[in-house]
Amino acid sequence: MAIPSARGSRISASQAALTRAVLLALATGLLTTCSESPISPSGPGPGILRLAPVFPAGARVVGLPLDNVRLVVVRPPGSTILDKSYSFPASQTRLAISEVILLQDQSELLEVTLTCLSGVTPLFRGSSVIEVRQGPATGPGLELPVTFVGPGDDVTTISISPRDTVLTFDATLAFQVTARDAQGQNVAQFYVSWLSTDPGQLPDGDGVLHAGTTRTALQITATTHSGARDSTTVRVVPPPARLLVTAGDDQSAPVGTRLSQPLEVEVRGSDDLPIPGVTVSFTPPSGGTVDTPRAVTDASGRARTGATLGPGSGAQSFIASAAGAGSGSRGGAMSFDLRDRFG
């Protein structure tokens, strides 16, 4: 589950009354800051508290949807003046809270706590002492960092999937994480944060990685609150551009027999460098066979298969092709030109 943000819920009638009081005071020019006027207000009056939670980068809670936030405001030494919950749908992407607070003086230092929950289960919490002043809010609201306080302390090992993958430019890849405790039992609810050797290519809160447009190798690491971690490699490469025959061409053998050399091609990208992890299809002639109709290129960008000639005499062609790959004047496939030994 991605860590979302969302705007606060509708204010209550009492809060609405305070808001109207603020507007009335502004209309009559009664509320000004010290910098705006030598005359400052004194005594009780409304002020506006604005804040938003800041979640750890790449944070994700598996198995628990974050669906509500609770705000508690305390006037020292221990008088709670606001205790309010906000619900929001998963479709919302930002949480920005704005509340009218009745202050006892021109400004007050208030203890503010935000708790982000899944139902009644706390997931993240952050606290701070905030100065709130009478009058309209100015400048951006406070960004309040929150840390994970939810379940998952029993996680001892995690596993990322898929592993050691190849991703083409601008493509996306969704990671899954499974967790186990010391007894090897699955843990259903836990917290994960993500790291990448390239901060510009970091899985988001849903574990989805969006590849860039430069060939590179990324080390992606998931870490839980309990300290368990796992890493995997993602190679970001351009899409296939062309195929080259590297072995197995111009062979001959008796009809219906196996060729002595495997058929091998190399897949290259637009940068003319080999591309690993590409599926190559090998198609035999009528009556012929190949050991591996679909082979994946290795770290050197090469794929290969054994082959057996068909029953016909004369020239026989085996075709290798890769989705999206061209090969100059020969299009998206390469042909192995082979003959039976008596043709």
C-alpha atoms as a PDB file:
ATOM      1  CA  MET A   1       0.000   0.000   0.000  1.00  0.00           C
ATOM      2  CA  ALA A   2       1.386   3.356  -1.038  1.00  0.00           C
ATOM      3  CA  ILE A   3       1.554   6.030   1.630  1.00  0.00           C
ATOM      4  CA  PRO A   4      -1.001   8.539   0.378  1.00  0.00           C
ATOM      5  CA  SER A   5      -1.834  12.039   1.402  1.00  0.00           C
ATOM      6  CA  ALA A   6      -5.263  13.609   1.388  1.00  0.00           C
ATOM      7  CA  ARG A   7      -7.032  16.803   2.285  1.00  0.00           C
ATOM      8  CA  GLY A   8      -8.792  17.082   5.645  1.00  0.00           C
ATOM      9  CA  SER A   9     -12.498  16.502   6.192  1.00  0.00           C
ATOM     10  CA  ARG A  10     -15.169  19.187   6.359  1.00  0.00           C
ATOM     11  CA  ILE A  11     -14.940  21.367   9.492  1.00  0.00           C
ATOM     12  CA  SER A  12     -17.612  21.217  12.202  1.00  0.00           C
ATOM     13  CA  ALA A  13     -20.190  23.900  12.929  1.00  0.00           C
ATOM     14  CA  SER A  14     -18.139  25.235  15.831  1.00  0.00           C
ATOM     15  CA  GLN A  15     -15.014  25.393  13.692  1.00  0.00           C
ATOM     16  CA  ALA A  16     -17.048  27.122  10.963  1.00  0.00           C
ATOM     17  CA  ALA A  17     -18.131  29.722  13.497  1.00  0.00           C
ATOM     18  CA  LEU A  18     -14.509  30.381  14.396  1.00  0.00           C
ATOM     19  CA  THR A  19     -13.675  30.735  10.706  1.00  0.00           C
ATOM     20  CA  ARG A  20     -16.411  33.356  10.336  1.00  0.00           C
ATOM     21  CA  ALA A  21     -14.961  35.129  13.353  1.00  0.00           C
ATOM     22  CA  VAL A  22     -11.569  35.287  11.671  1.00  0.00           C
ATOM     23  CA  LEU A  23     -13.100  36.725   8.501  1.00  0.00           C
ATOM     24  CA  LEU A  24     -15.079  39.307  10.465  1.00  0.00           C
ATOM     25  CA  ALA A  25     -11.991  40.360  12.377  1.00  0.00           C
ATOM     26  CA  LEU A  26     -10.052  40.725   9.144  1.00  0.00           C
ATOM     27  CA  ALA A  27     -12.869  42.786   7.604  1.00  0.00           C
ATOM     28  CA  THR A  28     -12.807  45.252  10.491  1.00  0.00           C
ATOM     29  CA  GLY A  29      -9.016  45.400  10.555  1.00  0.00           C
ATOM     30  CA  LEU A  30      -8.765  44.176  14.126  1.00  0.00           C
ATOM     31  CA  LEU A  31      -6.219  41.371  13.518  1.00  0.00           C
ATOM     32  CA  THR A  32      -2.760  42.394  12.450  1.00  0.00           C
ATOM     33  CA  THR A  33       0.713  41.126  13.149  1.00  0.00           C
ATOM     34  CA  CYS A  34       3.327  43.144  15.004  1.00  0.00           C
ATOM     35  CA  SER A  35       5.095  43.869  11.740  1.00  0.00           C
ATOM     36  CA  GLU A  36       1.898  45.266  10.197  1.00  0.00           C
ATOM     37  CA  SER A  37       0.835  47.600  13.001  1.00  0.00           C
ATOM     38  CA  PRO A  38       2.249  48.974  16.275  1.00  0.00           C
ATOM     39  CA  ILE A  39      -1.042  47.984  17.932  1.00  0.00           C
ATOM     40  CA  SER A  40      -1.269  44.223  18.597  1.00  0.00           C
ATOM     41  CA  PRO A  41      -4.393  42.321  19.675  1.00  0.00           C
ATOM     42  CA  SER A  42      -4.553  40.878  23.151  1.00  0.00           C
ATOM     43  CA  GLY A  43      -6.833  38.367  24.815  1.00  0.00           C
ATOM     44  CA  PRO A  44      -8.621  35.412  23.182  1.00  0.00           C
ATOM     45  CA  GLY A  45      -8.950  35.227  19.438  1.00  0.00           C
ATOM     46  CA  PRO A  46      -8.929  32.773  16.500  1.00  0.00           C
ATOM     47  CA  GLY A  47      -5.841  31.585  14.669  1.00  0.00           C
ATOM     48  CA  ILE A  48      -5.305  29.038  11.926  1.00  0.00           C
ATOM     49  CA  LEU A  49      -3.265  25.861  12.268  1.00  0.00           C
ATOM     50  CA  ARG A  50      -2.041  24.430   8.975  1.00  0.00           C
ATOM     51  CA  LEU A  51       0.102  21.326   8.611  1.00  0.00           C
ATOM     52  CA  ALA A  52       0.737  18.231   6.497  1.00  0.00           C
ATOM     53  CA  PRO A  53       2.465  14.920   7.321  1.00  0.00           C
ATOM     54  CA  VAL A  54       5.735  14.061   5.613  1.00  0.00           C
ATOM     55  CA  PHE A  55       6.206  10.319   5.126  1.00  0.00           C
ATOM     56  CA  PRO A  56       9.563   8.529   4.735  1.00  0.00           C
ATOM     57  CA  ALA A  57      10.634   8.402   1.069  1.00  0.00           C
ATOM     58  CA  GLY A  58       9.458   5.252  -0.683  1.00  0.00           C
ATOM     59  CA  ALA A  59       7.451   4.128   2.346  1.00  0.00           C
ATOM     60  CA  ARG A  60       5.003   1.261   1.901  1.00  0.00           C
ATOM     61  CA  VAL A  61       2.856  -0.665   4.364  1.00  0.00           C
ATOM     62  CA  VAL A  62       2.019  -4.152   3.106  1.00  0.00           C
ATOM     63  CA  GLY A  63      -1.435  -5.483   3.972  1.00  0.00           C
ATOM     64  CA  LEU A  64      -2.803  -2.323   5.629  1.00  0.00           C
ATOM     65  CA  PRO A  65      -4.501   0.579   3.788  1.00  0.00           C
ATOM     66  CA  LEU A  66      -3.859   3.973   5.326  1.00  0.00           C
ATOM     67  CA  ASP A  67      -7.400   5.375   5.485  1.00  0.00           C
ATOM     68  CA  ASN A  68      -7.630   7.969   8.257  1.00  0.00           C
ATOM     69  CA  VAL A  69      -5.601  10.530  10.213  1.00  0.00           C
ATOM     70  CA  ARG A  70      -6.099  11.786  13.752  1.00  0.00           C
ATOM     71  CA  LEU A  71      -5.006  15.266  14.851  1.00  0.00           C
ATOM     72  CA  VAL A  72      -4.614  16.068  18.561  1.00  0.00           C
ATOM     73  CA  VAL A  73      -3.754  19.595  19.725  1.00  0.00           C
ATOM     74  CA  VAL A  74      -2.816  20.125  23.381  1.00  0.00           C
ATOM     75  CA  ARG A  75      -2.352  23.391  25.243  1.00  0.00           C
ATOM     76  CA  PRO A  76       0.434  22.880  27.806  1.00  0.00           C
ATOM     77  CA  PRO A  77       0.568  21.545  30.365  1.00  0.00           C
ATOM     78  CA  GLY A  78      -2.152  19.073  29.363  1.00  0.00           C
ATOM     79  CA  SER A  79      -5.396  20.600  28.091  1.00  0.00           C
ATOM     80  CA  THR A  80      -6.632  18.989  24.849  1.00  0.00           C
ATOM     81  CA  ILE A  81      -8.272  21.678  22.725  1.00  0.00           C
ATOM     82  CA  LEU A  82      -8.739  19.639  19.522  1.00  0.00           C
ATOM     83  CA  ASP A  83      -9.046  15.898  18.887  1.00  0.00           C
ATOM     84  CA  LYS A  84     -10.261  15.261  15.355  1.00  0.00           C
ATOM     85  CA  SER A  85     -10.106  12.474  12.770  1.00  0.00           C
ATOM     86  CA  TYR A  86     -10.065  12.840   9.001  1.00  0.00           C
ATOM     87  CA  SER A  87     -11.062  10.134   6.545  1.00  0.00           C
ATOM     88  CA  PHE A  88     -10.074  10.162   2.908  1.00  0.00           C
ATOM     89  CA  PRO A  89     -10.368   7.858  -0.141  1.00  0.00           C
ATOM     90  CA  ALA A  90      -7.337   6.115  -1.633  1.00  0.00           C
ATOM     91  CA  SER A  91      -7.742   8.242  -4.773  1.00  0.00           C
ATOM     92  CA  GLN A  92      -6.601  11.375  -2.911  1.00  0.00           C
ATOM     93  CA  THR A  93      -2.892  12.093  -3.088  1.00  0.00           C
ATOM     94  CA  ARG A  94      -2.270  14.842  -0.554  1.00  0.00           C
ATOM     95  CA  LEU A  95      -3.169  15.504   3.054  1.00  0.00           C
ATOM     96  CA  ALA A  96      -3.333  19.190   3.985  1.00  0.00           C
ATOM     97  CA  ILE A  97      -4.992  20.042   7.293  1.00  0.00           C
ATOM     98  CA  SER A  98      -6.271  23.510   8.161  1.00  0.00           C
ATOM     99  CA  GLU A  99      -8.053  24.151  11.456  1.00  0.00           C
ATOM    100  CA  VAL A 100      -9.244  27.275  13.242  1.00  0.00           C
ATOM    101  CA  ILE A 101      -8.038  27.332  16.858  1.00  0.00           C
ATOM    102  CA  LEU A 102      -9.358  29.667  19.570  1.00  0.00           C
ATOM    103  CA  LEU A 103      -6.224  31.084  21.180  1.00  0.00           C
ATOM    104  CA  GLN A 104      -5.943  32.600  24.647  1.00  0.00           C
ATOM    105  CA  ASP A 105      -3.438  35.229  23.558  1.00  0.00           C
ATOM    106  CA  GLN A 106      -1.905  36.773  20.452  1.00  0.00           C
ATOM    107  CA  SER A 107       0.142  33.599  19.957  1.00  0.00           C
ATOM    108  CA  GLU A 108       0.487  30.252  21.689  1.00  0.00           C
ATOM    109  CA  LEU A 109       2.866  27.300  21.597  1.00  0.00           C
ATOM    110  CA  LEU A 110       0.726  24.189  21.107  1.00  0.00           C
ATOM    111  CA  GLU A 111       1.672  20.511  21.163  1.00  0.00           C
ATOM    112  CA  VAL A 112       0.484  18.892  17.930  1.00  0.00           C
ATOM    113  CA  THR A 113       0.375  15.131  17.203  1.00  0.00           C
ATOM    114  CA  LEU A 114      -0.597  13.511  13.896  1.00  0.00           C
ATOM    115  CA  THR A 115      -1.361   9.783  13.820  1.00  0.00           C
ATOM    116  CA  CYS A 116      -1.957   8.030  10.488  1.00  0.00           C
ATOM    117  CA  LEU A 117      -4.030   4.872  10.835  1.00  0.00           C
ATOM    118  CA  SER A 118      -5.470   1.870   9.054  1.00  0.00           C
ATOM    119  CA  GLY A 119      -8.841   1.612  10.739  1.00  0.00           C
ATOM    120  CA  VAL A 120      -7.816   1.765  14.397  1.00  0.00           C
ATOM    121  CA  THR A 121      -4.256   0.492  13.855  1.00  0.00           C
ATOM    122  CA  PRO A 122      -1.630   3.276  14.082  1.00  0.00           C
ATOM    123  CA  LEU A 123       0.884   3.197  11.231  1.00  0.00           C
ATOM    124  CA  PHE A 124       2.761   6.528  11.390  1.00  0.00           C
ATOM    125  CA  ARG A 125       3.019   9.214  14.043  1.00  0.00           C
ATOM    126  CA  GLY A 126       4.719  12.589  14.413  1.00  0.00           C
ATOM    127  CA  SER A 127       4.647  15.311  17.067  1.00  0.00           C
ATOM    128  CA  SER A 128       5.888  18.868  17.322  1.00  0.00           C
ATOM    129  CA  VAL A 129       5.421  22.103  19.262  1.00  0.00           C
ATOM    130  CA  ILE A 130       3.954  24.710  16.906  1.00  0.00           C
ATOM    131  CA  GLU A 131       3.459  28.423  17.352  1.00  0.00           C
ATOM    132  CA  VAL A 132      -0.018  29.491  16.223  1.00  0.00           C
ATOM    133  CA  ARG A 133      -0.802  33.206  15.930  1.00  0.00           C
ATOM    134  CA  GLN A 134      -4.101  35.046  15.800  1.00  0.00           C
ATOM    135  CA  GLY A 135      -5.147  36.184  12.368  1.00  0.00           C
ATOM    136  CA  PRO A 136      -4.856  34.653   8.916  1.00  0.00           C
ATOM    137  CA  ALA A 137      -2.309  31.958   8.178  1.00  0.00           C
ATOM    138  CA  THR A 138       0.686  33.161   6.194  1.00  0.00           C
ATOM    139  CA  GLY A 139       3.260  31.176   4.272  1.00  0.00           C
ATOM    140  CA  PRO A 140       3.245  27.433   3.749  1.00  0.00           C
ATOM    141  CA  GLY A 141       1.859  25.119   6.395  1.00  0.00           C
ATOM    142  CA  LEU A 142       4.130  23.129   8.664  1.00  0.00           C
ATOM    143  CA  GLU A 143       5.502  19.893   7.208  1.00  0.00           C
ATOM    144  CA  LEU A 144       5.450  17.430  10.104  1.00  0.00           C
ATOM    145  CA  PRO A 145       7.681  14.327   9.661  1.00  0.00           C
ATOM    146  CA  VAL A 146       6.017  11.079  10.731  1.00  0.00           C
ATOM    147  CA  THR A 147       7.729   7.775  11.527  1.00  0.00           C
ATOM    148  CA  PHE A 148       6.443   4.225  11.385  1.00  0.00           C
ATOM    149  CA  VAL A 149       4.859   2.865  14.579  1.00  0.00           C
ATOM    150  CA  GLY A 150       2.828  -0.013  13.125  1.00  0.00           C
ATOM    151  CA  PRO A 151       3.099  -3.813  13.061  1.00  0.00           C
ATOM    152  CA  GLY A 152       5.948  -5.887  11.641  1.00  0.00           C
ATOM    153  CA  ASP A 153       8.560  -5.955  14.407  1.00  0.00           C
ATOM    154  CA  ASP A 154       8.569  -9.765  14.128  1.00  0.00           C
ATOM    155  CA  VAL A 155       9.820  -9.730  10.513  1.00  0.00           C
ATOM    156  CA  THR A 156      13.271 -11.347  10.224  1.00  0.00           C
ATOM    157  CA  THR A 157      13.584 -11.941   6.465  1.00  0.00           C
ATOM    158  CA  ILE A 158      12.034 -10.491   3.324  1.00  0.00           C
ATOM    159  CA  SER A 159      12.200 -11.410  -0.346  1.00  0.00           C
ATOM    160  CA  ILE A 160      11.781  -9.142  -3.381  1.00  0.00           C
ATOM    161  CA  SER A 161      10.256 -10.393  -6.625  1.00  0.00           C
ATOM    162  CA  PRO A 162      10.833 -10.383  -9.518  1.00  0.00           C
ATOM    163  CA  ARG A 163      14.597 -10.721  -9.231  1.00  0.00           C
ATOM    164  CA  ASP A 164      17.485  -9.678 -11.500  1.00  0.00           C
ATOM    165  CA  THR A 165      15.320  -8.190 -14.217  1.00  0.00           C
ATOM    166  CA  VAL A 166      15.851  -6.196 -17.390  1.00  0.00           C
ATOM    167  CA  LEU A 167      13.753  -3.093 -18.014  1.00  0.00           C
ATOM    168  CA  THR A 168      13.641  -1.107 -21.249  1.00  0.00           C
ATOM    169  CA  PHE A 169      13.667   2.691 -21.319  1.00  0.00           C
ATOM    170  CA  ASP A 170      10.513   4.319 -19.854  1.00  0.00           C
ATOM    171  CA  ALA A 171       9.046   0.956 -18.843  1.00  0.00           C
ATOM    172  CA  THR A 172       7.664   0.174 -15.385  1.00  0.00           C
ATOM    173  CA  LEU A 173       8.162  -2.768 -13.058  1.00  0.00           C
ATOM    174  CA  ALA A 174       6.047  -3.591  -9.985  1.00  0.00           C
ATOM    175  CA  PHE A 175       7.927  -5.256  -7.143  1.00  0.00           C
ATOM    176  CA  GLN A 176       6.322  -7.538  -4.574  1.00  0.00           C
ATOM    177  CA  VAL A 177       7.740  -8.170  -1.100  1.00  0.00           C
ATOM    178  CA  THR A 178       7.049 -11.177   1.107  1.00  0.00           C
ATOM    179  CA  ALA A 179       8.091 -11.369   4.769  1.00  0.00           C
ATOM    180  CA  ARG A 180       8.710 -14.167   7.274  1.00  0.00           C
ATOM    181  CA  ASP A 181       9.288 -14.316  11.013  1.00  0.00           C
ATOM    182  CA  ALA A 182      11.940 -16.272  12.936  1.00  0.00           C
ATOM    183  CA  GLN A 183       9.829 -19.428  12.671  1.00  0.00           C
ATOM    184  CA  GLY A 184       9.573 -19.129   8.892  1.00  0.00           C
ATOM    185  CA  GLN A 185       5.905 -18.129   8.984  1.00  0.00           C
ATOM    186  CA  ASN A 186       4.556 -15.523   6.599  1.00  0.00           C
ATOM    187  CA  VAL A 187       3.953 -12.057   8.069  1.00  0.00           C
ATOM    188  CA  ALA A 188       0.958 -10.407   6.419  1.00  0.00           C
ATOM    189  CA  GLN A 189       1.345  -6.820   7.644  1.00  0.00           C
ATOM    190  CA  PHE A 190       4.628  -4.942   7.683  1.00  0.00           C
ATOM    191  CA  TYR A 191       6.394  -1.757   6.600  1.00  0.00           C
ATOM    192  CA  VAL A 192       8.851  -1.449   3.709  1.00  0.00           C
ATOM    193  CA  SER A 193      10.978   1.456   2.509  1.00  0.00           C
ATOM    194  CA  TRP A 194      12.893   1.474  -0.787  1.00  0.00           C
ATOM    195  CA  LEU A 195      16.412   2.542  -1.753  1.00  0.00           C
ATOM    196  CA  SER A 196      18.098   2.715  -5.150  1.00  0.00           C
ATOM    197  CA  THR A 197      21.657   3.364  -6.286  1.00  0.00           C
ATOM    198  CA  ASP A 198      20.068   6.030  -8.493  1.00  0.00           C
ATOM    199  CA  PRO A 199      17.715   8.217  -6.411  1.00  0.00           C
ATOM    200  CA  GLY A 200      16.091   9.345  -9.664  1.00  0.00           C
ATOM    201  CA  GLN A 201      14.952   5.768 -10.309  1.00  0.00           C
ATOM    202  CA  LEU A 202      13.408   4.760  -6.996  1.00  0.00           C
ATOM    203  CA  PRO A 203      10.352   2.506  -6.514  1.00  0.00           C
ATOM    204  CA  ASP A 204       7.361   4.495  -5.327  1.00  0.00           C
ATOM    205  CA  GLY A 205       5.177   3.693  -2.339  1.00  0.00           C
ATOM    206  CA  ASP A 206       3.459   0.940  -4.333  1.00  0.00           C
ATOM    207  CA  GLY A 207       6.808  -0.644  -5.164  1.00  0.00           C
ATOM    208  CA  VAL A 208       6.606   0.449  -8.818  1.00  0.00           C
ATOM    209  CA  LEU A 209       9.868   1.411 -10.533  1.00  0.00           C
ATOM    210  CA  HIS A 210       9.782   3.707 -13.578  1.00  0.00           C
ATOM    211  CA  ALA A 211      12.900   3.260 -15.694  1.00  0.00           C
ATOM    212  CA  GLY A 212      14.834   6.211 -17.062  1.00  0.00           C
ATOM    213  CA  THR A 213      16.283   6.624 -20.540  1.00  0.00           C
ATOM    214  CA  THR A 214      19.952   5.878 -19.887  1.00  0.00           C
ATOM    215  CA  ARG A 215      21.524   2.425 -19.904  1.00  0.00           C
ATOM    216  CA  THR A 216      22.461   1.533 -16.334  1.00  0.00           C
ATOM    217  CA  ALA A 217      22.378  -1.166 -13.671  1.00  0.00           C
ATOM    218  CA  LEU A 218      20.369  -0.363 -10.534  1.00  0.00           C
ATOM    219  CA  GLN A 219      20.647  -1.975  -7.123  1.00  0.00           C
ATOM    220  CA  ILE A 220      17.187  -1.883  -5.546  1.00  0.00           C
ATOM    221  CA  THR A 221      16.892  -2.525  -1.798  1.00  0.00           C
ATOM    222  CA  ALA A 222      13.815  -3.008   0.390  1.00  0.00           C
ATOM    223  CA  THR A 223      14.139  -2.545   4.177  1.00  0.00           C
ATOM    224  CA  THR A 224      11.631  -3.199   6.963  1.00  0.00           C
ATOM    225  CA  HIS A 225      11.182  -1.371  10.253  1.00  0.00           C
ATOM    226  CA  SER A 226      12.725  -4.397  12.019  1.00  0.00           C
ATOM    227  CA  GLY A 227      15.901  -4.145   9.904  1.00  0.00           C
ATOM    228  CA  ALA A 228      15.287  -7.051   7.505  1.00  0.00           C
ATOM    229  CA  ARG A 229      16.366  -6.251   3.953  1.00  0.00           C
ATOM    230  CA  ASP A 230      16.718  -7.709   0.485  1.00  0.00           C
ATOM    231  CA  SER A 231      18.231  -6.407  -2.756  1.00  0.00           C
ATOM    232  CA  THR A 232      17.972  -7.168  -6.447  1.00  0.00           C
ATOM    233  CA  THR A 233      19.469  -5.836  -9.678  1.00  0.00           C
ATOM    234  CA  VAL A 234      17.564  -4.116 -12.470  1.00  0.00           C
ATOM    235  CA  ARG A 235      19.312  -3.475 -15.774  1.00  0.00           C
ATOM    236  CA  VAL A 236      17.871  -0.520 -17.671  1.00  0.00           C
ATOM    237  CA  VAL A 237      18.499  -0.875 -21.395  1.00  0.00           C
ATOM    238  CA  PRO A 238      17.243   0.540 -24.698  1.00  0.00           C
ATOM    239  CA  PRO A 239      14.678  -1.534 -26.601  1.00  0.00           C
ATOM    240  CA  PRO A 240      16.027  -4.062 -29.145  1.00  0.00           C
ATOM    241  CA  ALA A 241      17.129  -2.424 -32.382  1.00  0.00           C
ATOM    242  CA  ARG A 242      18.704  -5.207 -34.448  1.00  0.00           C
ATOM    243  CA  LEU A 243      19.809  -8.831 -34.570  1.00  0.00           C
ATOM    244  CA  LEU A 244      23.182 -10.207 -35.648  1.00  0.00           C
ATOM    245  CA  VAL A 245      24.015 -13.838 -36.471  1.00  0.00           C
ATOM    246  CA  THR A 246      27.039 -14.771 -34.356  1.00  0.00           C
ATOM    247  CA  ALA A 247      27.263 -18.546 -34.903  1.00  0.00           C
ATOM    248  CA  GLY A 248      25.669 -21.447 -36.763  1.00  0.00           C
ATOM    249  CA  ASP A 249      25.254 -19.948 -40.257  1.00  0.00           C
ATOM    250  CA  ASP A 250      26.316 -21.728 -43.489  1.00  0.00           C
ATOM    251  CA  GLN A 251      26.264 -25.260 -42.051  1.00  0.00           C
ATOM    252  CA  SER A 252      25.474 -28.496 -43.864  1.00  0.00           C
ATOM    253  CA  ALA A 253      24.315 -31.923 -42.668  1.00  0.00           C
ATOM    254  CA  PRO A 254      22.384 -34.922 -43.964  1.00  0.00           C
ATOM    255  CA  VAL A 255      18.616 -34.343 -44.202  1.00  0.00           C
ATOM    256  CA  GLY A 256      16.794 -34.958 -40.946  1.00  0.00           C
ATOM    257  CA  THR A 257      19.934 -34.859 -38.826  1.00  0.00           C
ATOM    258  CA  ARG A 258      21.098 -32.529 -36.100  1.00  0.00           C
ATOM    259  CA  LEU A 259      23.384 -29.630 -36.967  1.00  0.00           C
ATOM    260  CA  SER A 260      26.825 -29.759 -35.372  1.00  0.00           C
ATOM    261  CA  GLN A 261      26.767 -26.110 -34.225  1.00  0.00           C
ATOM    262  CA  PRO A 262      23.980 -24.299 -32.372  1.00  0.00           C
ATOM    263  CA  LEU A 263      22.244 -21.362 -34.032  1.00  0.00           C
ATOM    264  CA  GLU A 264      23.187 -18.137 -32.207  1.00  0.00           C
ATOM    265  CA  VAL A 265      22.195 -14.477 -32.536  1.00  0.00           C
ATOM    266  CA  GLU A 266      23.074 -11.300 -30.662  1.00  0.00           C
ATOM    267  CA  VAL A 267      20.478  -8.628 -29.862  1.00  0.00           C
ATOM    268  CA  ARG A 268      21.686  -5.021 -29.829  1.00  0.00           C
ATOM    269  CA  GLY A 269      20.042  -1.777 -28.801  1.00  0.00           C
ATOM    270  CA  SER A 270      20.007   1.648 -30.404  1.00  0.00           C
ATOM    271  CA  ASP A 271      23.403   2.298 -28.782  1.00  0.00           C
ATOM    272  CA  ASP A 272      24.730  -0.767 -30.698  1.00  0.00           C
ATOM    273  CA  LEU A 273      25.533  -2.570 -27.443  1.00  0.00           C
ATOM    274  CA  PRO A 274      24.248  -6.062 -26.523  1.00  0.00           C
ATOM    275  CA  ILE A 275      20.968  -6.344 -24.591  1.00  0.00           C
ATOM    276  CA  PRO A 276      20.388  -9.110 -22.018  1.00  0.00           C
ATOM    277  CA  GLY A 277      16.979 -10.481 -21.110  1.00  0.00           C
ATOM    278  CA  VAL A 278      15.396 -10.297 -24.584  1.00  0.00           C
ATOM    279  CA  THR A 279      13.263 -13.211 -25.802  1.00  0.00           C
ATOM    280  CA  VAL A 280      14.321 -14.509 -29.224  1.00  0.00           C
ATOM    281  CA  SER A 281      12.063 -16.811 -31.248  1.00  0.00           C
ATOM    282  CA  PHE A 282      13.661 -19.506 -33.444  1.00  0.00           C
ATOM    283  CA  THR A 283      11.482 -20.842 -36.263  1.00  0.00           C
ATOM    284  CA  PRO A 284      12.557 -24.007 -38.180  1.00  0.00           C
ATOM    285  CA  PRO A 285      11.756 -24.833 -41.810  1.00  0.00           C
ATOM    286  CA  SER A 286       9.021 -27.350 -42.665  1.00  0.00           C
ATOM    287  CA  GLY A 287       9.866 -30.663 -41.007  1.00  0.00           C
ATOM    288  CA  GLY A 288      12.816 -29.221 -39.114  1.00  0.00           C
ATOM    289  CA  THR A 289      12.997 -28.666 -35.343  1.00  0.00           C
ATOM    290  CA  VAL A 290      14.728 -26.471 -32.791  1.00  0.00           C
ATOM    291  CA  ASP A 291      15.557 -27.387 -29.190  1.00  0.00           C
ATOM    292  CA  THR A 292      14.395 -24.043 -27.786  1.00  0.00           C
ATOM    293  CA  PRO A 293      11.713 -22.221 -29.806  1.00  0.00           C
ATOM    294  CA  ARG A 294      11.992 -19.225 -27.432  1.00  0.00           C
ATOM    295  CA  ALA A 295      15.344 -18.400 -25.817  1.00  0.00           C
ATOM    296  CA  VAL A 296      16.319 -15.421 -23.620  1.00  0.00           C
ATOM    297  CA  THR A 297      19.512 -13.514 -24.321  1.00  0.00           C
ATOM    298  CA  ASP A 298      22.257 -13.919 -21.704  1.00  0.00           C
ATOM    299  CA  ALA A 299      24.440 -11.240 -20.101  1.00  0.00           C
ATOM    300  CA  SER A 300      26.290 -10.832 -23.413  1.00  0.00           C
ATOM    301  CA  GLY A 301      23.035 -10.307 -25.327  1.00  0.00           C
ATOM    302  CA  ARG A 302      23.165 -13.699 -27.066  1.00  0.00           C
ATOM    303  CA  ALA A 303      20.547 -16.422 -27.461  1.00  0.00           C
ATOM    304  CA  ARG A 304      21.089 -19.858 -29.000  1.00  0.00           C
ATOM    305  CA  THR A 305      19.413 -23.152 -29.773  1.00  0.00           C
ATOM    306  CA  GLY A 306      20.276 -26.537 -31.214  1.00  0.00           C
ATOM    307  CA  ALA A 307      18.558 -27.433 -34.504  1.00  0.00           C
ATOM    308  CA  THR A 308      17.730 -30.379 -36.770  1.00  0.00           C
ATOM    309  CA  LEU A 309      17.279 -30.136 -40.555  1.00  0.00           C
ATOM    310  CA  GLY A 310      13.985 -31.027 -42.179  1.00  0.00           C
ATOM    311  CA  PRO A 311      13.536 -33.835 -44.721  1.00  0.00           C
ATOM    312  CA  GLY A 312      13.751 -31.646 -47.810  1.00  0.00           C
ATOM    313  CA  SER A 313      16.902 -31.465 -49.918  1.00  0.00           C
ATOM    314  CA  GLY A 314      18.690 -28.266 -50.837  1.00  0.00           C
ATOM    315  CA  ALA A 315      18.751 -24.993 -48.899  1.00  0.00           C
ATOM    316  CA  GLN A 316      16.875 -24.717 -45.620  1.00  0.00           C
ATOM    317  CA  SER A 317      16.379 -21.558 -43.581  1.00  0.00           C
ATOM    318  CA  PHE A 318      15.913 -21.153 -39.840  1.00  0.00           C
ATOM    319  CA  ILE A 319      14.579 -17.748 -38.725  1.00  0.00           C
ATOM    320  CA  ALA A 320      15.483 -15.885 -35.528  1.00  0.00           C
ATOM    321  CA  SER A 321      13.351 -12.892 -34.503  1.00  0.00           C
ATOM    322  CA  ALA A 322      12.833 -10.581 -31.505  1.00  0.00           C
ATOM    323  CA  ALA A 323       9.865  -8.302 -30.876  1.00  0.00           C
ATOM    324  CA  GLY A 324      10.668  -4.718 -31.792  1.00  0.00           C
ATOM    325  CA  ALA A 325      14.061  -5.547 -33.285  1.00  0.00           C
ATOM    326  CA  GLY A 326      15.029  -4.705 -36.825  1.00  0.00           C
ATOM    327  CA  SER A 327      18.145  -5.885 -38.639  1.00  0.00           C
ATOM    328  CA  GLY A 328      18.901  -3.375 -41.323  1.00  0.00           C
ATOM    329  CA  SER A 329      17.587  -4.384 -44.727  1.00  0.00           C
ATOM    330  CA  ARG A 330      16.430  -7.758 -43.398  1.00  0.00           C
ATOM    331  CA  GLY A 331      13.717  -6.378 -41.117  1.00  0.00           C
ATOM    332  CA  GLY A 332      12.947  -7.840 -37.720  1.00  0.00           C
ATOM    333  CA  ALA A 333      14.373 -11.341 -38.303  1.00  0.00           C
ATOM    334  CA  MET A 334      17.646 -13.036 -39.199  1.00  0.00           C
ATOM    335  CA  SER A 335      17.908 -16.127 -41.409  1.00  0.00           C
ATOM    336  CA  PHE A 336      20.383 -18.979 -41.007  1.00  0.00           C
ATOM    337  CA  ASP A 337      21.154 -20.349 -44.499  1.00  0.00           C
ATOM    338  CA  LEU A 338      21.741 -24.093 -44.244  1.00  0.00           C
ATOM    339  CA  ARG A 339      21.916 -26.996 -46.732  1.00  0.00           C
ATOM    340  CA  ASP A 340      21.623 -30.720 -46.619  1.00  0.00           C
ATOM    341  CA  ARG A 341      24.973 -32.312 -47.310  1.00  0.00           C
ATOM    342  CA  PHE A 342      23.782 -33.990 -50.528  1.00  0.00           C
ATOM    343  CA  GLY A 343      21.691 -31.117 -51.858  1.00  0.00           C
END
